[in-house]
Amino acid sequence: MSVFPSPRRILFSAVLAAAAVGLAIPGQAGAQSSLDVVDALSPTTLVNGALSVVGGCQSPDRDRILNCTRQETLTTQVPVMLAFNPFTTNIVVLGAGLYPDGTMRPLLVSRLQAALQLAQRFPTAPIIVTGGVPQSGVTEAQAMRQWLVANGIPPFRITEENTSRSTVENARNTNAILAQRGASGAVVVTSPDHLQRAMVDFRVAVAGRIPIAGVVAPF
């Protein structure tokens, strides 16, 4: 017998979870555009949202996290938690290796383009750019911040994490930032072949304290 709930139960739980998120911060979540909230509600995002909070993904146990994350559908759609609470849900953009001259590869630009869409749609959501490994004196996080600012994102919204050298370190170091600011959740933005592993690493790092969702950056 499967240890995971049926799709119908997951869907029902997702609706309850979404409502709970909406009620978590009175006067804030309710102020979010109803159109944004409605657009975020689909069978895929509801099931993913339920898994992220009640399906085993928000757990201190790595095996449960791994099994739960494998059930999620990777998507470009807005996660339910961000649509309902874009005030303390953080957008986290994962870095990728820079060229030797410190400029960004197309892979990283695609991640930033996906994050930019979320940031523009939810202008109250804090943003964390994470990645060290400097090239020509520029870290991945610094290059990402510069790109986002050049594309209209106010600098005060962006926090740099400049020391990590792997996805595991991205997760650990970003978790410290999330904990310090009292984030209610995080949406990880990265490439399709990287997202599932990244969500596992982030969920392990937060050890069940907050939910972690993901958004695919098309490439």
Protein backbone atom coordinates (compact mmCIF):
# COMPACT_ATOMS: atom_id res chain seq x y z
CA MET A 1 0.00 0.00 0.00
CA SER A 2 1.30 3.45 -0.93
CA VAL A 3 2.25 5.71 1.95
CA PHE A 4 1.18 8.75 -0.06
CA PRO A 5 -2.37 10.16 -0.25
CA SER A 6 -4.61 9.64 -3.27
CA PRO A 7 -4.74 12.37 -5.97
CA ARG A 8 -8.24 13.35 -4.82
CA ARG A 9 -7.09 13.70 -1.23
CA ILE A 10 -4.04 15.66 -2.36
CA LEU A 11 -6.25 18.04 -4.34
CA PHE A 12 -8.56 18.56 -1.37
CA SER A 13 -5.60 19.11 0.94
CA ALA A 14 -4.16 21.58 -1.55
CA VAL A 15 -7.24 23.75 -1.40
CA LEU A 16 -7.12 23.73 2.40
CA ALA A 17 -3.39 24.48 2.34
CA ALA A 18 -3.92 27.35 -0.08
CA ALA A 19 -6.63 28.81 2.12
CA ALA A 20 -4.39 28.48 5.17
CA VAL A 21 -1.61 30.36 3.40
CA GLY A 22 -4.06 33.07 2.41
CA LEU A 23 -5.17 33.50 6.01
CA ALA A 24 -1.67 33.32 7.47
CA ILE A 25 -0.96 37.04 7.10
CA PRO A 26 -4.20 39.04 7.40
CA GLY A 27 -4.32 42.17 5.26
CA GLN A 28 -1.42 41.04 3.09
CA ALA A 29 -2.33 37.84 1.28
CA GLY A 30 -5.86 39.16 0.82
CA ALA A 31 -4.48 42.25 -0.90
CA GLN A 32 -2.89 40.20 -3.68
CA SER A 33 -4.63 40.46 -7.05
CA SER A 34 -7.44 37.93 -7.26
CA LEU A 35 -6.48 37.35 -10.89
CA ASP A 36 -2.97 36.30 -9.87
CA VAL A 37 -4.40 33.89 -7.33
CA VAL A 38 -6.89 32.39 -9.78
CA ASP A 39 -4.21 32.04 -12.45
CA ALA A 40 -2.05 30.10 -10.00
CA LEU A 41 -4.76 27.53 -9.28
CA SER A 42 -4.56 24.58 -11.64
CA PRO A 43 -4.54 20.81 -11.06
CA THR A 44 -0.74 20.84 -11.38
CA THR A 45 -0.08 23.71 -8.99
CA LEU A 46 -2.64 22.48 -6.48
CA VAL A 47 -1.16 18.99 -6.34
CA ASN A 48 2.38 20.39 -6.19
CA GLY A 49 1.27 22.79 -3.46
CA ALA A 50 -0.25 20.00 -1.41
CA LEU A 51 2.84 17.84 -1.76
CA SER A 52 5.04 20.74 -0.66
CA VAL A 53 3.21 21.09 2.66
CA VAL A 54 1.38 17.83 3.48
CA GLY A 55 2.72 15.23 1.07
CA GLY A 56 6.09 14.61 2.68
CA CYS A 57 8.17 17.28 0.95
CA GLN A 58 8.12 19.48 4.06
CA SER A 59 9.88 17.01 6.30
CA PRO A 60 13.22 16.64 8.09
CA ASP A 61 13.58 13.15 6.58
CA ARG A 62 15.59 13.00 3.35
CA ASP A 63 13.98 9.78 2.09
CA ARG A 64 10.49 11.22 2.48
CA ILE A 65 11.60 14.41 0.76
CA LEU A 66 13.12 12.47 -2.13
CA ASN A 67 10.05 10.27 -2.64
CA CYS A 68 7.69 13.23 -2.41
CA THR A 69 9.69 15.44 -4.76
CA ARG A 70 9.66 12.71 -7.42
CA GLN A 71 5.87 12.93 -7.48
CA GLU A 72 5.80 16.61 -8.33
CA THR A 73 5.30 17.91 -11.86
CA LEU A 74 8.01 20.32 -12.97
CA THR A 75 6.30 23.41 -14.35
CA THR A 76 6.71 27.05 -15.31
CA GLN A 77 3.46 27.89 -13.49
CA VAL A 78 3.36 30.13 -10.42
CA PRO A 79 3.38 28.09 -7.18
CA VAL A 80 0.32 28.48 -4.97
CA MET A 81 2.34 29.74 -1.99
CA LEU A 82 3.76 32.67 -3.98
CA ALA A 83 0.38 33.67 -5.39
CA PHE A 84 -1.27 33.66 -1.96
CA ASN A 85 1.58 35.21 0.00
CA PRO A 86 4.05 37.22 -2.10
CA PHE A 87 5.24 39.11 0.96
CA THR A 88 7.28 36.53 2.86
CA THR A 89 7.64 33.91 0.12
CA ASN A 90 11.12 34.41 -1.36
CA ILE A 91 12.13 33.92 -4.99
CA VAL A 92 15.49 32.11 -5.05
CA VAL A 93 17.49 32.08 -8.30
CA LEU A 94 20.28 29.51 -8.57
CA GLY A 95 23.52 30.48 -10.23
CA ALA A 96 25.44 28.77 -13.01
CA GLY A 97 29.07 29.03 -14.05
CA LEU A 98 30.13 32.33 -15.59
CA TYR A 99 32.38 32.72 -18.60
CA PRO A 100 36.04 33.47 -17.74
CA ASP A 101 35.46 37.18 -18.40
CA GLY A 102 32.68 37.28 -15.79
CA THR A 103 29.76 37.41 -18.20
CA MET A 104 26.79 35.06 -17.96
CA ARG A 105 26.10 31.96 -20.00
CA PRO A 106 22.71 31.58 -21.76
CA LEU A 107 21.72 28.94 -19.19
CA LEU A 108 21.95 31.48 -16.37
CA VAL A 109 20.21 34.18 -18.38
CA SER A 110 17.26 31.84 -18.90
CA ARG A 111 16.97 31.34 -15.13
CA LEU A 112 17.01 35.08 -14.61
CA GLN A 113 14.36 35.64 -17.27
CA ALA A 114 12.05 33.21 -15.47
CA ALA A 115 12.77 34.88 -12.13
CA LEU A 116 12.19 38.32 -13.66
CA GLN A 117 8.70 37.31 -14.75
CA LEU A 118 7.88 36.22 -11.20
CA ALA A 119 9.46 39.33 -9.70
CA GLN A 120 7.49 41.64 -11.99
CA ARG A 121 4.23 39.84 -11.34
CA PHE A 122 4.77 39.81 -7.57
CA PRO A 123 6.58 43.08 -6.79
CA THR A 124 6.56 42.53 -3.02
CA ALA A 125 8.37 39.18 -3.10
CA PRO A 126 11.97 39.28 -1.84
CA ILE A 127 14.61 37.84 -4.17
CA ILE A 128 17.76 35.89 -3.31
CA VAL A 129 20.44 35.27 -5.94
CA THR A 130 22.82 32.52 -4.92
CA GLY A 131 26.17 31.49 -6.35
CA GLY A 132 29.86 32.05 -5.71
CA VAL A 133 32.70 30.81 -7.99
CA PRO A 134 33.96 34.21 -9.20
CA GLN A 135 35.29 34.83 -12.68
CA SER A 136 37.32 37.99 -13.32
CA GLY A 137 36.37 39.14 -9.83
CA VAL A 138 32.62 38.73 -10.34
CA THR A 139 30.56 36.09 -8.51
CA GLU A 140 27.49 34.47 -10.00
CA ALA A 141 25.29 36.28 -7.47
CA GLN A 142 26.82 39.65 -8.30
CA ALA A 143 26.28 39.10 -12.03
CA MET A 144 22.69 38.02 -11.41
CA ARG A 145 21.94 41.04 -9.25
CA GLN A 146 23.37 43.39 -11.89
CA TRP A 147 21.20 41.77 -14.59
CA LEU A 148 18.02 42.01 -12.52
CA VAL A 149 18.66 45.65 -11.61
CA ALA A 150 19.39 46.47 -15.27
CA ASN A 151 16.03 44.92 -16.09
CA GLY A 152 14.09 47.07 -13.67
CA ILE A 153 14.13 45.25 -10.32
CA PRO A 154 14.81 47.62 -7.39
CA PRO A 155 18.14 46.78 -5.72
CA PHE A 156 16.58 46.71 -2.24
CA ARG A 157 14.58 43.61 -3.19
CA ILE A 158 17.68 41.55 -3.99
CA THR A 159 19.94 39.74 -1.53
CA GLU A 160 23.22 38.21 -2.72
CA GLU A 161 24.59 34.89 -1.45
CA ASN A 162 28.13 34.97 -2.80
CA THR A 163 29.98 32.05 -1.22
CA SER A 164 28.36 28.81 -2.37
CA ARG A 165 30.14 26.54 -4.84
CA SER A 166 27.53 23.80 -5.29
CA THR A 167 23.77 23.29 -5.14
CA VAL A 168 24.05 21.84 -1.64
CA GLU A 169 25.90 24.97 -0.51
CA ASN A 170 23.35 27.15 -2.34
CA ALA A 171 20.69 25.51 -0.21
CA ARG A 172 22.54 25.66 3.11
CA ASN A 173 23.65 29.26 2.74
CA THR A 174 20.30 30.47 1.43
CA ASN A 175 18.55 28.69 4.30
CA ALA A 176 20.46 30.88 6.75
CA ILE A 177 19.14 33.99 4.97
CA LEU A 178 15.59 32.63 4.87
CA ALA A 179 15.69 31.78 8.58
CA GLN A 180 17.12 35.16 9.55
CA ARG A 181 14.37 37.08 7.76
CA GLY A 182 11.55 34.77 8.88
CA ALA A 183 10.55 33.69 5.38
CA SER A 184 7.35 31.66 5.16
CA GLY A 185 8.50 29.74 2.09
CA ALA A 186 10.75 29.85 -0.97
CA VAL A 187 10.36 29.30 -4.69
CA VAL A 188 13.50 27.90 -6.33
CA VAL A 189 14.07 28.94 -9.95
CA THR A 190 16.46 26.91 -12.06
CA SER A 191 16.79 24.83 -15.23
CA PRO A 192 14.58 21.79 -16.00
CA ASP A 193 17.34 19.22 -15.52
CA HIS A 194 18.40 20.83 -12.24
CA LEU A 195 15.14 21.70 -10.49
CA GLN A 196 14.23 18.37 -8.91
CA ARG A 197 17.68 17.90 -7.36
CA ALA A 198 17.73 21.53 -6.24
CA MET A 199 14.35 21.23 -4.51
CA VAL A 200 15.56 18.13 -2.66
CA ASP A 201 18.70 19.96 -1.49
CA PHE A 202 16.71 22.99 -0.34
CA ARG A 203 14.10 20.87 1.43
CA VAL A 204 16.83 18.97 3.23
CA ALA A 205 18.49 22.26 4.20
CA VAL A 206 15.34 23.78 5.72
CA ALA A 207 14.56 20.48 7.49
CA GLY A 208 10.80 20.92 7.34
CA ARG A 209 10.76 24.46 8.77
CA ILE A 210 9.15 26.04 5.68
CA PRO A 211 7.77 24.74 2.36
CA ILE A 212 9.90 24.86 -0.79
CA ALA A 213 8.41 25.06 -4.29
CA GLY A 214 10.03 25.25 -7.71
CA VAL A 215 9.66 26.93 -11.09
CA VAL A 216 11.28 25.70 -14.28
CA ALA A 217 13.27 28.17 -16.34
CA PRO A 218 12.75 27.14 -19.99
CA PHE A 219 15.97 26.80 -21.97
